[in-house]
Amino acid sequence: MAKIRITQVKSKNGKPLRQKKTLEALGIRKLNHSVEHEATPQILGMVVKVQHLVKVENI
């Protein structure tokens, strides 16, 4: 399965708790932090929920 790199590019300050928890579940700790995940439907669904805060790249 393909891998994707997810990088937080906008602050989570002032965002709903659900979006903050989604970033935490993805493993993103702070601004400009990147993580790599398999492109599973679960991960892609989480990315869609916070797409305005992150940048996604295919690896």
PDB file of N, CA and C in Angstrom:
ATOM      1  N   MET A   1       0.835  -1.177   0.000  1.00  0.00           N
ATOM      2  CA  MET A   1       0.000   0.000   0.000  1.00  0.00           C
ATOM      3  C   MET A   1       0.888   1.251   0.000  1.00  0.00           C
ATOM      4  N   ALA A   2       0.393   2.312  -0.548  1.00  0.00           N
ATOM      5  CA  ALA A   2       1.168   3.550  -0.657  1.00  0.00           C
ATOM      6  C   ALA A   2       1.366   4.198   0.711  1.00  0.00           C
ATOM      7  N   LYS A   3       2.441   4.940   0.832  1.00  0.00           N
ATOM      8  CA  LYS A   3       2.706   5.686   2.059  1.00  0.00           C
ATOM      9  C   LYS A   3       2.473   7.164   1.787  1.00  0.00           C
ATOM     10  N   ILE A   4       2.047   7.873   2.822  1.00  0.00           N
ATOM     11  CA  ILE A   4       1.865   9.319   2.714  1.00  0.00           C
ATOM     12  C   ILE A   4       2.595  10.001   3.867  1.00  0.00           C
ATOM     13  N   ARG A   5       3.049  11.226   3.626  1.00  0.00           N
ATOM     14  CA  ARG A   5       3.671  12.047   4.653  1.00  0.00           C
ATOM     15  C   ARG A   5       2.691  13.171   4.974  1.00  0.00           C
ATOM     16  N   ILE A   6       2.371  13.318   6.252  1.00  0.00           N
ATOM     17  CA  ILE A   6       1.424  14.332   6.707  1.00  0.00           C
ATOM     18  C   ILE A   6       2.195  15.342   7.542  1.00  0.00           C
ATOM     19  N   THR A   7       2.088  16.627   7.183  1.00  0.00           N
ATOM     20  CA  THR A   7       2.790  17.697   7.878  1.00  0.00           C
ATOM     21  C   THR A   7       1.782  18.740   8.323  1.00  0.00           C
ATOM     22  N   GLN A   8       1.841  19.119   9.591  1.00  0.00           N
ATOM     23  CA  GLN A   8       0.956  20.182  10.092  1.00  0.00           C
ATOM     24  C   GLN A   8       1.505  21.524   9.640  1.00  0.00           C
ATOM     25  N   VAL A   9       0.687  22.328   8.953  1.00  0.00           N
ATOM     26  CA  VAL A   9       1.131  23.616   8.440  1.00  0.00           C
ATOM     27  C   VAL A   9       0.377  24.790   9.051  1.00  0.00           C
ATOM     28  N   LYS A  10      -0.709  24.519   9.775  1.00  0.00           N
ATOM     29  CA  LYS A  10      -1.460  25.574  10.454  1.00  0.00           C
ATOM     30  C   LYS A  10      -1.661  25.180  11.908  1.00  0.00           C
ATOM     31  N   SER A  11      -1.791  26.177  12.760  1.00  0.00           N
ATOM     32  CA  SER A  11      -1.939  25.944  14.185  1.00  0.00           C
ATOM     33  C   SER A  11      -3.281  25.311  14.521  1.00  0.00           C
ATOM     34  N   LYS A  12      -3.273  24.500  15.578  1.00  0.00           N
ATOM     35  CA  LYS A  12      -4.523  23.909  16.053  1.00  0.00           C
ATOM     36  C   LYS A  12      -5.167  24.746  17.150  1.00  0.00           C
ATOM     37  N   ASN A  13      -4.550  25.863  17.514  1.00  0.00           N
ATOM     38  CA  ASN A  13      -5.124  26.747  18.523  1.00  0.00           C
ATOM     39  C   ASN A  13      -6.460  27.290  18.050  1.00  0.00           C
ATOM     40  N   GLY A  14      -7.462  27.239  18.918  1.00  0.00           N
ATOM     41  CA  GLY A  14      -8.772  27.754  18.592  1.00  0.00           C
ATOM     42  C   GLY A  14      -9.631  26.805  17.777  1.00  0.00           C
ATOM     43  N   LYS A  15      -9.119  25.622  17.472  1.00  0.00           N
ATOM     44  CA  LYS A  15      -9.875  24.642  16.698  1.00  0.00           C
ATOM     45  C   LYS A  15     -10.658  23.738  17.659  1.00  0.00           C
ATOM     46  N   PRO A  16     -11.705  23.080  17.179  1.00  0.00           N
ATOM     47  CA  PRO A  16     -12.482  22.180  18.039  1.00  0.00           C
ATOM     48  C   PRO A  16     -11.632  21.045  18.599  1.00  0.00           C
ATOM     49  N   LEU A  17     -12.019  20.571  19.770  1.00  0.00           N
ATOM     50  CA  LEU A  17     -11.290  19.491  20.445  1.00  0.00           C
ATOM     51  C   LEU A  17     -11.189  18.251  19.561  1.00  0.00           C
ATOM     52  N   ARG A  18     -12.220  17.980  18.795  1.00  0.00           N
ATOM     53  CA  ARG A  18     -12.214  16.795  17.922  1.00  0.00           C
ATOM     54  C   ARG A  18     -11.084  16.868  16.899  1.00  0.00           C
ATOM     55  N   GLN A  19     -10.836  18.053  16.339  1.00  0.00           N
ATOM     56  CA  GLN A  19      -9.747  18.202  15.371  1.00  0.00           C
ATOM     57  C   GLN A  19      -8.392  18.078  16.061  1.00  0.00           C
ATOM     58  N   LYS A  20      -8.272  18.599  17.272  1.00  0.00           N
ATOM     59  CA  LYS A  20      -7.024  18.467  18.020  1.00  0.00           C
ATOM     60  C   LYS A  20      -6.733  17.001  18.320  1.00  0.00           C
ATOM     61  N   LYS A  21      -7.758  16.256  18.699  1.00  0.00           N
ATOM     62  CA  LYS A  21      -7.591  14.832  18.997  1.00  0.00           C
ATOM     63  C   LYS A  21      -7.249  14.033  17.734  1.00  0.00           C
ATOM     64  N   THR A  22      -7.783  14.451  16.596  1.00  0.00           N
ATOM     65  CA  THR A  22      -7.468  13.776  15.337  1.00  0.00           C
ATOM     66  C   THR A  22      -5.998  13.961  15.000  1.00  0.00           C
ATOM     67  N   LEU A  23      -5.476  15.182  15.157  1.00  0.00           N
ATOM     68  CA  LEU A  23      -4.051  15.419  14.917  1.00  0.00           C
ATOM     69  C   LEU A  23      -3.200  14.580  15.865  1.00  0.00           C
ATOM     70  N   GLU A  24      -3.623  14.505  17.118  1.00  0.00           N
ATOM     71  CA  GLU A  24      -2.898  13.709  18.108  1.00  0.00           C
ATOM     72  C   GLU A  24      -2.912  12.228  17.727  1.00  0.00           C
ATOM     73  N   ALA A  25      -4.056  11.743  17.246  1.00  0.00           N
ATOM     74  CA  ALA A  25      -4.169  10.340  16.846  1.00  0.00           C
ATOM     75  C   ALA A  25      -3.299  10.031  15.629  1.00  0.00           C
ATOM     76  N   LEU A  26      -3.104  11.021  14.772  1.00  0.00           N
ATOM     77  CA  LEU A  26      -2.222  10.844  13.620  1.00  0.00           C
ATOM     78  C   LEU A  26      -0.749  10.855  14.035  1.00  0.00           C
ATOM     79  N   GLY A  27      -0.460  11.318  15.245  1.00  0.00           N
ATOM     80  CA  GLY A  27       0.915  11.349  15.734  1.00  0.00           C
ATOM     81  C   GLY A  27       1.600  12.679  15.525  1.00  0.00           C
ATOM     82  N   ILE A  28       0.829  13.702  15.153  1.00  0.00           N
ATOM     83  CA  ILE A  28       1.395  15.029  14.919  1.00  0.00           C
ATOM     84  C   ILE A  28       1.409  15.784  16.241  1.00  0.00           C
ATOM     85  N   ARG A  29       2.589  16.244  16.659  1.00  0.00           N
ATOM     86  CA  ARG A  29       2.737  16.871  17.964  1.00  0.00           C
ATOM     87  C   ARG A  29       2.726  18.390  17.925  1.00  0.00           C
ATOM     88  N   LYS A  30       3.339  18.976  16.902  1.00  0.00           N
ATOM     89  CA  LYS A  30       3.454  20.437  16.866  1.00  0.00           C
ATOM     90  C   LYS A  30       3.528  20.919  15.425  1.00  0.00           C
ATOM     91  N   LEU A  31       3.523  22.209  15.254  1.00  0.00           N
ATOM     92  CA  LEU A  31       3.557  22.829  13.938  1.00  0.00           C
ATOM     93  C   LEU A  31       4.821  22.403  13.186  1.00  0.00           C
ATOM     94  N   ASN A  32       4.670  22.112  11.910  1.00  0.00           N
ATOM     95  CA  ASN A  32       5.744  21.654  11.015  1.00  0.00           C
ATOM     96  C   ASN A  32       6.274  20.263  11.346  1.00  0.00           C
ATOM     97  N   HIS A  33       5.580  19.528  12.193  1.00  0.00           N
ATOM     98  CA  HIS A  33       5.967  18.148  12.492  1.00  0.00           C
ATOM     99  C   HIS A  33       5.385  17.238  11.416  1.00  0.00           C
ATOM    100  N   SER A  34       6.172  16.291  10.933  1.00  0.00           N
ATOM    101  CA  SER A  34       5.733  15.366   9.886  1.00  0.00           C
ATOM    102  C   SER A  34       5.714  13.937  10.407  1.00  0.00           C
ATOM    103  N   VAL A  35       4.749  13.176   9.902  1.00  0.00           N
ATOM    104  CA  VAL A  35       4.676  11.750  10.198  1.00  0.00           C
ATOM    105  C   VAL A  35       4.381  11.008   8.902  1.00  0.00           C
ATOM    106  N   GLU A  36       4.761   9.737   8.859  1.00  0.00           N
ATOM    107  CA  GLU A  36       4.492   8.910   7.691  1.00  0.00           C
ATOM    108  C   GLU A  36       3.553   7.785   8.096  1.00  0.00           C
ATOM    109  N   HIS A  37       2.544   7.539   7.263  1.00  0.00           N
ATOM    110  CA  HIS A  37       1.564   6.483   7.505  1.00  0.00           C
ATOM    111  C   HIS A  37       1.272   5.764   6.199  1.00  0.00           C
ATOM    112  N   GLU A  38       0.765   4.548   6.322  1.00  0.00           N
ATOM    113  CA  GLU A  38       0.212   3.840   5.177  1.00  0.00           C
ATOM    114  C   GLU A  38      -1.083   4.554   4.795  1.00  0.00           C
ATOM    115  N   ALA A  39      -1.390   4.596   3.522  1.00  0.00           N
ATOM    116  CA  ALA A  39      -2.591   5.288   3.035  1.00  0.00           C
ATOM    117  C   ALA A  39      -3.806   4.368   3.138  1.00  0.00           C
ATOM    118  N   THR A  40      -4.203   4.048   4.374  1.00  0.00           N
ATOM    119  CA  THR A  40      -5.383   3.216   4.593  1.00  0.00           C
ATOM    120  C   THR A  40      -6.627   4.096   4.590  1.00  0.00           C
ATOM    121  N   PRO A  41      -7.794   3.523   4.401  1.00  0.00           N
ATOM    122  CA  PRO A  41      -9.021   4.329   4.428  1.00  0.00           C
ATOM    123  C   PRO A  41      -9.225   5.054   5.758  1.00  0.00           C
ATOM    124  N   GLN A  42      -8.791   4.445   6.865  1.00  0.00           N
ATOM    125  CA  GLN A  42      -8.947   5.077   8.169  1.00  0.00           C
ATOM    126  C   GLN A  42      -8.078   6.335   8.270  1.00  0.00           C
ATOM    127  N   ILE A  43      -6.828   6.229   7.848  1.00  0.00           N
ATOM    128  CA  ILE A  43      -5.911   7.363   7.902  1.00  0.00           C
ATOM    129  C   ILE A  43      -6.376   8.462   6.946  1.00  0.00           C
ATOM    130  N   LEU A  44      -6.788   8.096   5.740  1.00  0.00           N
ATOM    131  CA  LEU A  44      -7.239   9.090   4.772  1.00  0.00           C
ATOM    132  C   LEU A  44      -8.487   9.812   5.266  1.00  0.00           C
ATOM    133  N   GLY A  45      -9.363   9.102   5.972  1.00  0.00           N
ATOM    134  CA  GLY A  45     -10.543   9.739   6.552  1.00  0.00           C
ATOM    135  C   GLY A  45     -10.180  10.742   7.615  1.00  0.00           C
ATOM    136  N   MET A  46      -9.170  10.418   8.429  1.00  0.00           N
ATOM    137  CA  MET A  46      -8.706  11.351   9.456  1.00  0.00           C
ATOM    138  C   MET A  46      -8.087  12.586   8.814  1.00  0.00           C
ATOM    139  N   VAL A  47      -7.348  12.384   7.733  1.00  0.00           N
ATOM    140  CA  VAL A  47      -6.713  13.505   7.042  1.00  0.00           C
ATOM    141  C   VAL A  47      -7.772  14.446   6.468  1.00  0.00           C
ATOM    142  N   VAL A  48      -8.848  13.893   5.936  1.00  0.00           N
ATOM    143  CA  VAL A  48      -9.918  14.728   5.377  1.00  0.00           C
ATOM    144  C   VAL A  48     -10.508  15.640   6.447  1.00  0.00           C
ATOM    145  N   LYS A  49     -10.635  15.157   7.669  1.00  0.00           N
ATOM    146  CA  LYS A  49     -11.221  15.943   8.751  1.00  0.00           C
ATOM    147  C   LYS A  49     -10.349  17.124   9.171  1.00  0.00           C
ATOM    148  N   VAL A  50      -9.038  17.033   8.921  1.00  0.00           N
ATOM    149  CA  VAL A  50      -8.133  18.128   9.307  1.00  0.00           C
ATOM    150  C   VAL A  50      -7.353  18.640   8.097  1.00  0.00           C
ATOM    151  N   GLN A  51      -7.920  18.498   6.906  1.00  0.00           N
ATOM    152  CA  GLN A  51      -7.196  18.861   5.685  1.00  0.00           C
ATOM    153  C   GLN A  51      -6.836  20.338   5.623  1.00  0.00           C
ATOM    154  N   HIS A  52      -7.557  21.196   6.349  1.00  0.00           N
ATOM    155  CA  HIS A  52      -7.247  22.621   6.350  1.00  0.00           C
ATOM    156  C   HIS A  52      -6.055  22.950   7.253  1.00  0.00           C
ATOM    157  N   LEU A  53      -5.568  21.969   8.012  1.00  0.00           N
ATOM    158  CA  LEU A  53      -4.444  22.175   8.921  1.00  0.00           C
ATOM    159  C   LEU A  53      -3.168  21.470   8.471  1.00  0.00           C
ATOM    160  N   VAL A  54      -3.284  20.561   7.512  1.00  0.00           N
ATOM    161  CA  VAL A  54      -2.141  19.725   7.140  1.00  0.00           C
ATOM    162  C   VAL A  54      -1.860  19.769   5.648  1.00  0.00           C
ATOM    163  N   LYS A  55      -0.637  19.326   5.318  1.00  0.00           N
ATOM    164  CA  LYS A  55      -0.226  19.135   3.922  1.00  0.00           C
ATOM    165  C   LYS A  55       0.093  17.652   3.784  1.00  0.00           C
ATOM    166  N   VAL A  56      -0.381  17.046   2.678  1.00  0.00           N
ATOM    167  CA  VAL A  56      -0.190  15.608   2.459  1.00  0.00           C
ATOM    168  C   VAL A  56       0.627  15.413   1.197  1.00  0.00           C
ATOM    169  N   GLU A  57       1.653  14.540   1.296  1.00  0.00           N
ATOM    170  CA  GLU A  57       2.494  14.206   0.152  1.00  0.00           C
ATOM    171  C   GLU A  57       2.547  12.700  -0.010  1.00  0.00           C
ATOM    172  N   ASN A  58       2.533  12.238  -1.240  1.00  0.00           N
ATOM    173  CA  ASN A  58       2.746  10.810  -1.504  1.00  0.00           C
ATOM    174  C   ASN A  58       4.236  10.515  -1.464  1.00  0.00           C
ATOM    175  N   ILE A  59       4.573   9.354  -0.944  1.00  0.00           N
ATOM    176  CA  ILE A  59       5.991   8.964  -0.863  1.00  0.00           C
ATOM    177  C   ILE A  59       6.242   7.833  -1.838  1.00  0.00           C
TER     178      ILE A  59
END
